[in-house]
Amino acid sequence: DHIISSQVFAFVEKITLSNVWFSNFSLSGSGNQVLLSGETETLEALSRQVDALEKSKGEVEGVNVANSQVTPAGRILFTLNLSLNPDIFTWK
């Protein structure tokens, strides 16, 4: 077995909603943690994105909204902390 991170990128791309944009991605392979910073149009959209991640039980073990704020333009900036299943890093 080899440790790889490309499956994490493919998963994030697959699970990201069309009205959510991620601008920063920080991966800690040893801790199975991903920190995602991004932006969306509404708090409802952020809630739907978190819900989609929480329902990905095969890949995601936990989701935490580290912070969120409303910009003067009314957009939502946020940071999510994901705990991933270690299997997502394994290539067999």
C-alpha atoms as a PDB file:
ATOM      1  CA  ASP A   1       0.000   0.000   0.000  1.00  0.00           C
ATOM      2  CA  HIS A   2       1.164   3.517  -0.789  1.00  0.00           C
ATOM      3  CA  ILE A   3       0.088   6.806   0.790  1.00  0.00           C
ATOM      4  CA  ILE A   4      -1.285   9.281  -1.780  1.00  0.00           C
ATOM      5  CA  SER A   5      -3.271  12.517  -1.616  1.00  0.00           C
ATOM      6  CA  SER A   6      -4.712  12.687  -5.139  1.00  0.00           C
ATOM      7  CA  GLN A   7      -7.862  10.845  -4.047  1.00  0.00           C
ATOM      8  CA  VAL A   8      -8.533  13.642  -1.549  1.00  0.00           C
ATOM      9  CA  PHE A   9      -8.528  16.230  -4.358  1.00  0.00           C
ATOM     10  CA  ALA A  10     -10.859  14.078  -6.460  1.00  0.00           C
ATOM     11  CA  PHE A  11     -13.220  13.651  -3.505  1.00  0.00           C
ATOM     12  CA  VAL A  12     -13.317  17.402  -2.737  1.00  0.00           C
ATOM     13  CA  GLU A  13     -13.983  18.160  -6.397  1.00  0.00           C
ATOM     14  CA  LYS A  14     -16.800  15.590  -6.519  1.00  0.00           C
ATOM     15  CA  ILE A  15     -18.519  16.739  -3.313  1.00  0.00           C
ATOM     16  CA  THR A  16     -18.257  20.530  -3.817  1.00  0.00           C
ATOM     17  CA  LEU A  17     -21.585  22.192  -4.605  1.00  0.00           C
ATOM     18  CA  SER A  18     -21.808  24.446  -7.654  1.00  0.00           C
ATOM     19  CA  ASN A  19     -22.284  27.625  -5.598  1.00  0.00           C
ATOM     20  CA  VAL A  20     -19.350  26.965  -3.240  1.00  0.00           C
ATOM     21  CA  TRP A  21     -15.758  27.985  -4.055  1.00  0.00           C
ATOM     22  CA  PHE A  22     -12.746  26.732  -2.145  1.00  0.00           C
ATOM     23  CA  SER A  23      -9.756  29.054  -2.214  1.00  0.00           C
ATOM     24  CA  ASN A  24      -7.366  27.381   0.239  1.00  0.00           C
ATOM     25  CA  PHE A  25      -6.612  23.723   0.881  1.00  0.00           C
ATOM     26  CA  SER A  26      -4.312  22.496   3.635  1.00  0.00           C
ATOM     27  CA  LEU A  27      -3.729  18.770   4.049  1.00  0.00           C
ATOM     28  CA  SER A  28      -2.192  16.965   7.013  1.00  0.00           C
ATOM     29  CA  GLY A  29      -1.829  13.392   5.819  1.00  0.00           C
ATOM     30  CA  SER A  30      -0.430  12.159   9.101  1.00  0.00           C
ATOM     31  CA  GLY A  31      -3.465  13.438  10.980  1.00  0.00           C
ATOM     32  CA  ASN A  32      -6.019  12.784   8.235  1.00  0.00           C
ATOM     33  CA  GLN A  33      -7.096  16.414   8.505  1.00  0.00           C
ATOM     34  CA  VAL A  34      -8.025  18.840   5.729  1.00  0.00           C
ATOM     35  CA  LEU A  35      -8.559  22.544   6.274  1.00  0.00           C
ATOM     36  CA  LEU A  36     -10.676  24.123   3.522  1.00  0.00           C
ATOM     37  CA  SER A  37     -11.280  27.856   3.242  1.00  0.00           C
ATOM     38  CA  GLY A  38     -13.837  29.175   0.819  1.00  0.00           C
ATOM     39  CA  GLU A  39     -16.736  31.371  -0.087  1.00  0.00           C
ATOM     40  CA  THR A  40     -20.386  30.967  -0.933  1.00  0.00           C
ATOM     41  CA  GLU A  41     -23.460  33.087  -1.565  1.00  0.00           C
ATOM     42  CA  THR A  42     -25.548  32.342   1.550  1.00  0.00           C
ATOM     43  CA  LEU A  43     -25.483  30.644   4.941  1.00  0.00           C
ATOM     44  CA  GLU A  44     -27.984  28.158   3.496  1.00  0.00           C
ATOM     45  CA  ALA A  45     -25.452  27.173   0.811  1.00  0.00           C
ATOM     46  CA  LEU A  46     -22.779  26.702   3.474  1.00  0.00           C
ATOM     47  CA  SER A  47     -25.181  24.549   5.475  1.00  0.00           C
ATOM     48  CA  ARG A  48     -25.934  22.400   2.408  1.00  0.00           C
ATOM     49  CA  GLN A  49     -22.199  21.954   1.753  1.00  0.00           C
ATOM     50  CA  VAL A  50     -21.558  20.886   5.350  1.00  0.00           C
ATOM     51  CA  ASP A  51     -24.508  18.487   5.121  1.00  0.00           C
ATOM     52  CA  ALA A  52     -23.130  16.940   1.904  1.00  0.00           C
ATOM     53  CA  LEU A  53     -19.764  16.420   3.598  1.00  0.00           C
ATOM     54  CA  GLU A  54     -21.344  14.913   6.714  1.00  0.00           C
ATOM     55  CA  LYS A  55     -23.259  12.431   4.554  1.00  0.00           C
ATOM     56  CA  SER A  56     -20.020  11.241   2.930  1.00  0.00           C
ATOM     57  CA  LYS A  57     -19.441   8.662   5.641  1.00  0.00           C
ATOM     58  CA  GLY A  58     -17.054   6.583   3.531  1.00  0.00           C
ATOM     59  CA  GLU A  59     -14.583   9.439   3.195  1.00  0.00           C
ATOM     60  CA  VAL A  60     -15.417  11.908   5.981  1.00  0.00           C
ATOM     61  CA  GLU A  61     -15.368  11.025   9.663  1.00  0.00           C
ATOM     62  CA  GLY A  62     -16.145  14.531  10.916  1.00  0.00           C
ATOM     63  CA  VAL A  63     -16.812  18.111   9.813  1.00  0.00           C
ATOM     64  CA  ASN A  64     -16.251  21.230  11.887  1.00  0.00           C
ATOM     65  CA  VAL A  65     -17.025  24.787  10.784  1.00  0.00           C
ATOM     66  CA  ALA A  66     -13.934  26.497  12.178  1.00  0.00           C
ATOM     67  CA  ASN A  67     -15.251  29.969  11.344  1.00  0.00           C
ATOM     68  CA  SER A  68     -17.622  31.862   9.104  1.00  0.00           C
ATOM     69  CA  GLN A  69     -18.266  35.525   8.459  1.00  0.00           C
ATOM     70  CA  VAL A  70     -20.424  37.719   6.266  1.00  0.00           C
ATOM     71  CA  THR A  71     -18.594  40.127   3.952  1.00  0.00           C
ATOM     72  CA  PRO A  72     -19.845  43.692   3.375  1.00  0.00           C
ATOM     73  CA  ALA A  73     -21.151  42.423   0.011  1.00  0.00           C
ATOM     74  CA  GLY A  74     -23.232  39.799   1.833  1.00  0.00           C
ATOM     75  CA  ARG A  75     -21.181  36.769   0.799  1.00  0.00           C
ATOM     76  CA  ILE A  76     -20.109  34.096   3.301  1.00  0.00           C
ATOM     77  CA  LEU A  77     -16.430  33.365   3.958  1.00  0.00           C
ATOM     78  CA  PHE A  78     -15.760  30.156   5.872  1.00  0.00           C
ATOM     79  CA  THR A  79     -13.200  27.608   6.986  1.00  0.00           C
ATOM     80  CA  LEU A  80     -14.005  23.917   7.372  1.00  0.00           C
ATOM     81  CA  ASN A  81     -11.932  21.332   9.194  1.00  0.00           C
ATOM     82  CA  LEU A  82     -12.483  17.805   7.865  1.00  0.00           C
ATOM     83  CA  SER A  83     -11.414  14.582   9.548  1.00  0.00           C
ATOM     84  CA  LEU A  84     -10.995  12.059   6.754  1.00  0.00           C
ATOM     85  CA  ASN A  85     -11.122   8.291   6.767  1.00  0.00           C
ATOM     86  CA  PRO A  86      -7.462   7.155   6.553  1.00  0.00           C
ATOM     87  CA  ASP A  87      -8.391   4.793   3.690  1.00  0.00           C
ATOM     88  CA  ILE A  88      -8.755   7.796   1.347  1.00  0.00           C
ATOM     89  CA  PHE A  89      -4.953   8.152   1.471  1.00  0.00           C
ATOM     90  CA  THR A  90      -4.265   4.533   0.520  1.00  0.00           C
ATOM     91  CA  TRP A  91      -3.677   3.344  -3.006  1.00  0.00           C
ATOM     92  CA  LYS A  92      -4.056  -0.369  -3.440  1.00  0.00           C
END
